[in-house]
Structure formats: structure tokens, C-alpha cells
Amino acid sequence: MTVRADDDTLSQSPPPDPLKCLTCGNGDTLEITAIDALDAGSPFAGSPFMVAVTFTCSECGVPCTRDADVSEVARILNRPGNTPEVLVFGSHYIHCGRPMAAVGTELRSVHGSYSYRQVPEALSVYLSTRVLRCVCGFQMEIPDAPTLR
């Protein structure tokens, strides 16, 4: 049972539903990969105790996103040996338990070969990426979100 304070009153809520794989039902092999705010259409939208969590079951390999109680997410993240390689928390990327820092941007070209017939002009696709680095030296690139003006 969880005791929570809301507007200077204490209330007791039933224990949260345990997170489990929706395919195999296993809850011991979940690896949380992302935590985000709930969508406005969620039945729990506005609750300070609920988040949208994305996890993968290492038993069957199936990824899933669902609404979950923060105490249940914390229970899984605090299990020994359950540190994700990179955890996405809202718009932050966490590695080694610390937020990764943006260290630059890159412009990558994406292309492929076309072998069926001769292509008259080469087509190019460019992707703007953001380079993130952890204090341990781990580095990765993610697509850079366009800025709205």
C-alpha cells in the first residue's frame, strides 16, 4: 500500500499493478528504456503518480509502452543489475546514471545503391543529428529535432 500526500491530506491507494511483459507475462526480465509524461488522452492524464514507460522484455524480446505508477517504475530501475545502457527520460538521455551532454551537431548523408538500372541523377537525403557524450566517454548520435519558429 502506498501513502501519498495530496493537498495537505494523506490518502492510501492500493498497490500499483506490477509491470509485466504483455506477451509472456514475465515481470522479472524487463529493461526500461524510456520514461515520459502521459499523453493527454491517457485515462491517468494529470496524475502526478503515473508516467508512460517503455520497456523491453529480455525473455521474449518484445518492446511495450504503457502507463505505469512511478513507484513500480522505480522498483524495476532499483533492482540490482538492471541498469539500462541508455535511458531516455523525457528529452534527456542518461548513461552511467548521469545525463549526457550535447557536444555538437553533424549532418549525415543517407544513400543507397540502385542496381536495377542506371539512375540519371543521384538523390541524396541528409539527416541532422545531435552528438551526445557521457562523462565516461560513451558517445552517440541522435536525430536532431527541428526547431519551430
C-alpha atoms as a PDB file:
ATOM      1  CA  MET A   1       0.000   0.000   0.000  1.00  0.00           C
ATOM      2  CA  THR A   2       1.281   3.452  -0.909  1.00  0.00           C
ATOM      3  CA  VAL A   3       0.704   6.503   1.277  1.00  0.00           C
ATOM      4  CA  ARG A   4       0.591   9.757  -0.643  1.00  0.00           C
ATOM      5  CA  ALA A   5       0.033  13.364   0.327  1.00  0.00           C
ATOM      6  CA  ASP A   6      -2.351  15.385  -1.848  1.00  0.00           C
ATOM      7  CA  ASP A   7      -3.348  18.938  -0.879  1.00  0.00           C
ATOM      8  CA  ASP A   8      -2.301  18.529   2.778  1.00  0.00           C
ATOM      9  CA  THR A   9      -4.217  15.264   3.205  1.00  0.00           C
ATOM     10  CA  LEU A  10      -2.890  11.742   3.357  1.00  0.00           C
ATOM     11  CA  SER A  11      -4.533   9.108   1.251  1.00  0.00           C
ATOM     12  CA  GLN A  12      -3.888   5.445   0.802  1.00  0.00           C
ATOM     13  CA  SER A  13      -4.009   3.880  -2.611  1.00  0.00           C
ATOM     14  CA  PRO A  14      -3.935   0.213  -3.464  1.00  0.00           C
ATOM     15  CA  PRO A  15      -0.591  -1.176  -4.605  1.00  0.00           C
ATOM     16  CA  PRO A  16       0.112  -0.449  -8.278  1.00  0.00           C
ATOM     17  CA  ASP A  17      -0.281  -3.172 -10.862  1.00  0.00           C
ATOM     18  CA  PRO A  18       3.129  -4.751 -11.357  1.00  0.00           C
ATOM     19  CA  LEU A  19       4.743  -4.127 -14.734  1.00  0.00           C
ATOM     20  CA  LYS A  20       4.828  -7.317 -16.781  1.00  0.00           C
ATOM     21  CA  CYS A  21       5.510  -8.284 -20.352  1.00  0.00           C
ATOM     22  CA  LEU A  22       2.189  -8.316 -22.180  1.00  0.00           C
ATOM     23  CA  THR A  23       3.360 -11.243 -24.326  1.00  0.00           C
ATOM     24  CA  CYS A  24       4.916 -13.741 -21.895  1.00  0.00           C
ATOM     25  CA  GLY A  25       3.733 -12.298 -18.555  1.00  0.00           C
ATOM     26  CA  ASN A  26       7.250 -12.131 -17.116  1.00  0.00           C
ATOM     27  CA  GLY A  27       7.975  -9.158 -14.858  1.00  0.00           C
ATOM     28  CA  ASP A  28      11.483 -10.100 -13.766  1.00  0.00           C
ATOM     29  CA  THR A  29      13.268  -9.542 -17.068  1.00  0.00           C
ATOM     30  CA  LEU A  30      12.013  -6.083 -18.031  1.00  0.00           C
ATOM     31  CA  GLU A  31      14.520  -3.464 -19.150  1.00  0.00           C
ATOM     32  CA  ILE A  32      13.132   0.072 -19.006  1.00  0.00           C
ATOM     33  CA  THR A  33      14.318   2.167 -21.934  1.00  0.00           C
ATOM     34  CA  ALA A  34      12.213   5.336 -21.707  1.00  0.00           C
ATOM     35  CA  ILE A  35      10.091   7.291 -19.232  1.00  0.00           C
ATOM     36  CA  ASP A  36       7.904  10.154 -20.367  1.00  0.00           C
ATOM     37  CA  ALA A  37       4.884  12.219 -19.386  1.00  0.00           C
ATOM     38  CA  LEU A  38       1.492  10.723 -20.127  1.00  0.00           C
ATOM     39  CA  ASP A  39      -0.343  11.579 -23.332  1.00  0.00           C
ATOM     40  CA  ALA A  40      -3.343  13.872 -22.869  1.00  0.00           C
ATOM     41  CA  GLY A  41      -5.635  11.015 -23.946  1.00  0.00           C
ATOM     42  CA  SER A  42      -4.481   8.684 -21.172  1.00  0.00           C
ATOM     43  CA  PRO A  43      -7.116   7.841 -18.539  1.00  0.00           C
ATOM     44  CA  PHE A  44      -4.454   8.764 -15.953  1.00  0.00           C
ATOM     45  CA  ALA A  45      -3.528  12.135 -17.542  1.00  0.00           C
ATOM     46  CA  GLY A  46      -2.963  14.737 -14.849  1.00  0.00           C
ATOM     47  CA  SER A  47      -1.989  12.192 -12.187  1.00  0.00           C
ATOM     48  CA  PRO A  48       1.351  13.115 -10.572  1.00  0.00           C
ATOM     49  CA  PHE A  49       1.955   9.429  -9.782  1.00  0.00           C
ATOM     50  CA  MET A  50       1.716   7.989 -13.306  1.00  0.00           C
ATOM     51  CA  VAL A  51       4.126   8.058 -16.273  1.00  0.00           C
ATOM     52  CA  ALA A  52       4.372   6.472 -19.710  1.00  0.00           C
ATOM     53  CA  VAL A  53       7.087   3.834 -19.605  1.00  0.00           C
ATOM     54  CA  THR A  54       8.695   1.934 -22.475  1.00  0.00           C
ATOM     55  CA  PHE A  55      10.368  -1.370 -21.726  1.00  0.00           C
ATOM     56  CA  THR A  56      11.624  -4.477 -23.469  1.00  0.00           C
ATOM     57  CA  CYS A  57      11.288  -7.990 -22.141  1.00  0.00           C
ATOM     58  CA  SER A  58      14.699  -9.661 -22.352  1.00  0.00           C
ATOM     59  CA  GLU A  59      12.973 -13.060 -22.156  1.00  0.00           C
ATOM     60  CA  CYS A  60      10.935 -12.755 -25.371  1.00  0.00           C
ATOM     61  CA  GLY A  61      12.365  -9.522 -26.842  1.00  0.00           C
ATOM     62  CA  VAL A  62       9.024  -7.741 -27.210  1.00  0.00           C
ATOM     63  CA  PRO A  63       9.002  -3.959 -26.590  1.00  0.00           C
ATOM     64  CA  CYS A  64       5.980  -2.298 -24.967  1.00  0.00           C
ATOM     65  CA  THR A  65       4.846   1.167 -23.889  1.00  0.00           C
ATOM     66  CA  ARG A  66       2.199   1.565 -21.203  1.00  0.00           C
ATOM     67  CA  ASP A  67       1.073   3.798 -18.359  1.00  0.00           C
ATOM     68  CA  ALA A  68       2.634   2.871 -15.027  1.00  0.00           C
ATOM     69  CA  ASP A  69       2.821   4.036 -11.422  1.00  0.00           C
ATOM     70  CA  VAL A  70       6.139   5.781 -10.684  1.00  0.00           C
ATOM     71  CA  SER A  71       6.722   3.526  -7.673  1.00  0.00           C
ATOM     72  CA  GLU A  72       6.543   0.458  -9.928  1.00  0.00           C
ATOM     73  CA  VAL A  73       8.987   2.025 -12.393  1.00  0.00           C
ATOM     74  CA  ALA A  74      11.336   2.863  -9.501  1.00  0.00           C
ATOM     75  CA  ARG A  75      11.078  -0.721  -8.209  1.00  0.00           C
ATOM     76  CA  ILE A  76      12.306  -2.060 -11.538  1.00  0.00           C
ATOM     77  CA  LEU A  77      15.036   0.555 -12.015  1.00  0.00           C
ATOM     78  CA  ASN A  78      16.349  -0.087  -8.496  1.00  0.00           C
ATOM     79  CA  ARG A  79      16.756  -3.844  -8.980  1.00  0.00           C
ATOM     80  CA  PRO A  80      20.412  -4.911  -8.789  1.00  0.00           C
ATOM     81  CA  GLY A  81      21.953  -5.383 -12.227  1.00  0.00           C
ATOM     82  CA  ASN A  82      19.119  -3.644 -14.065  1.00  0.00           C
ATOM     83  CA  THR A  83      20.923  -0.541 -15.293  1.00  0.00           C
ATOM     84  CA  PRO A  84      19.918   0.235 -18.875  1.00  0.00           C
ATOM     85  CA  GLU A  85      22.652   1.147 -21.319  1.00  0.00           C
ATOM     86  CA  VAL A  86      20.920   4.413 -22.218  1.00  0.00           C
ATOM     87  CA  LEU A  87      17.732   5.565 -20.531  1.00  0.00           C
ATOM     88  CA  VAL A  88      15.573   8.176 -22.237  1.00  0.00           C
ATOM     89  CA  PHE A  89      13.873  10.293 -19.578  1.00  0.00           C
ATOM     90  CA  GLY A  90      11.658  12.850 -21.304  1.00  0.00           C
ATOM     91  CA  SER A  91      14.067  14.689 -23.610  1.00  0.00           C
ATOM     92  CA  HIS A  92      17.150  13.683 -21.584  1.00  0.00           C
ATOM     93  CA  TYR A  93      19.439  10.756 -22.331  1.00  0.00           C
ATOM     94  CA  ILE A  94      21.064   9.127 -19.301  1.00  0.00           C
ATOM     95  CA  HIS A  95      24.115   6.855 -19.359  1.00  0.00           C
ATOM     96  CA  CYS A  96      26.094   5.712 -16.289  1.00  0.00           C
ATOM     97  CA  GLY A  97      23.343   7.277 -14.163  1.00  0.00           C
ATOM     98  CA  ARG A  98      24.153  10.802 -15.368  1.00  0.00           C
ATOM     99  CA  PRO A  99      22.650  12.995 -18.106  1.00  0.00           C
ATOM    100  CA  MET A 100      24.555  13.003 -21.386  1.00  0.00           C
ATOM    101  CA  ALA A 101      25.690  16.399 -22.682  1.00  0.00           C
ATOM    102  CA  ALA A 102      25.265  17.679 -26.235  1.00  0.00           C
ATOM    103  CA  VAL A 103      28.734  18.233 -27.699  1.00  0.00           C
ATOM    104  CA  GLY A 104      27.890  19.181 -31.257  1.00  0.00           C
ATOM    105  CA  THR A 105      25.839  18.514 -34.339  1.00  0.00           C
ATOM    106  CA  GLU A 106      26.505  16.650 -37.558  1.00  0.00           C
ATOM    107  CA  LEU A 107      24.894  16.478 -40.977  1.00  0.00           C
ATOM    108  CA  ARG A 108      24.804  12.890 -42.243  1.00  0.00           C
ATOM    109  CA  SER A 109      24.130  11.775 -45.785  1.00  0.00           C
ATOM    110  CA  VAL A 110      21.941   8.744 -46.283  1.00  0.00           C
ATOM    111  CA  HIS A 111      22.234   6.922 -49.598  1.00  0.00           C
ATOM    112  CA  GLY A 112      21.877   3.505 -51.090  1.00  0.00           C
ATOM    113  CA  SER A 113      22.781   1.768 -54.293  1.00  0.00           C
ATOM    114  CA  TYR A 114      20.291   1.135 -57.034  1.00  0.00           C
ATOM    115  CA  SER A 115      21.346  -1.773 -59.209  1.00  0.00           C
ATOM    116  CA  TYR A 116      18.269  -2.480 -61.367  1.00  0.00           C
ATOM    117  CA  ARG A 117      19.016   0.210 -63.916  1.00  0.00           C
ATOM    118  CA  GLN A 118      21.029   3.366 -64.329  1.00  0.00           C
ATOM    119  CA  VAL A 119      19.745   6.291 -62.260  1.00  0.00           C
ATOM    120  CA  PRO A 120      20.010   9.570 -64.193  1.00  0.00           C
ATOM    121  CA  GLU A 121      20.693  11.727 -61.143  1.00  0.00           C
ATOM    122  CA  ALA A 122      21.942  10.816 -57.714  1.00  0.00           C
ATOM    123  CA  LEU A 123      19.441  11.520 -54.976  1.00  0.00           C
ATOM    124  CA  SER A 124      20.665  12.482 -51.522  1.00  0.00           C
ATOM    125  CA  VAL A 125      18.944  12.565 -48.170  1.00  0.00           C
ATOM    126  CA  TYR A 126      20.505  14.483 -45.308  1.00  0.00           C
ATOM    127  CA  LEU A 127      19.834  13.977 -41.629  1.00  0.00           C
ATOM    128  CA  SER A 128      20.778  16.492 -38.982  1.00  0.00           C
ATOM    129  CA  THR A 129      21.986  14.765 -35.809  1.00  0.00           C
ATOM    130  CA  ARG A 130      22.942  15.804 -32.297  1.00  0.00           C
ATOM    131  CA  VAL A 131      26.060  14.282 -30.722  1.00  0.00           C
ATOM    132  CA  LEU A 132      25.656  13.326 -27.045  1.00  0.00           C
ATOM    133  CA  ARG A 133      28.549  12.348 -24.770  1.00  0.00           C
ATOM    134  CA  CYS A 134      28.649  10.755 -21.311  1.00  0.00           C
ATOM    135  CA  VAL A 135      31.304  11.590 -18.711  1.00  0.00           C
ATOM    136  CA  CYS A 136      32.636   8.034 -19.173  1.00  0.00           C
ATOM    137  CA  GLY A 137      33.412   8.790 -22.849  1.00  0.00           C
ATOM    138  CA  PHE A 138      30.469   6.920 -24.388  1.00  0.00           C
ATOM    139  CA  GLN A 139      29.105   8.909 -27.316  1.00  0.00           C
ATOM    140  CA  MET A 140      26.100   8.555 -29.619  1.00  0.00           C
ATOM    141  CA  GLU A 141      24.242  10.483 -32.286  1.00  0.00           C
ATOM    142  CA  ILE A 142      20.500  11.010 -32.316  1.00  0.00           C
ATOM    143  CA  PRO A 143      18.301  12.708 -34.913  1.00  0.00           C
ATOM    144  CA  ASP A 144      18.127  16.412 -34.146  1.00  0.00           C
ATOM    145  CA  ALA A 145      14.585  17.678 -33.677  1.00  0.00           C
ATOM    146  CA  PRO A 146      13.794  20.634 -35.902  1.00  0.00           C
ATOM    147  CA  THR A 147      13.213  23.870 -34.034  1.00  0.00           C
ATOM    148  CA  LEU A 148       9.870  25.553 -34.518  1.00  0.00           C
ATOM    149  CA  ARG A 149       9.871  29.291 -35.085  1.00  0.00           C
END
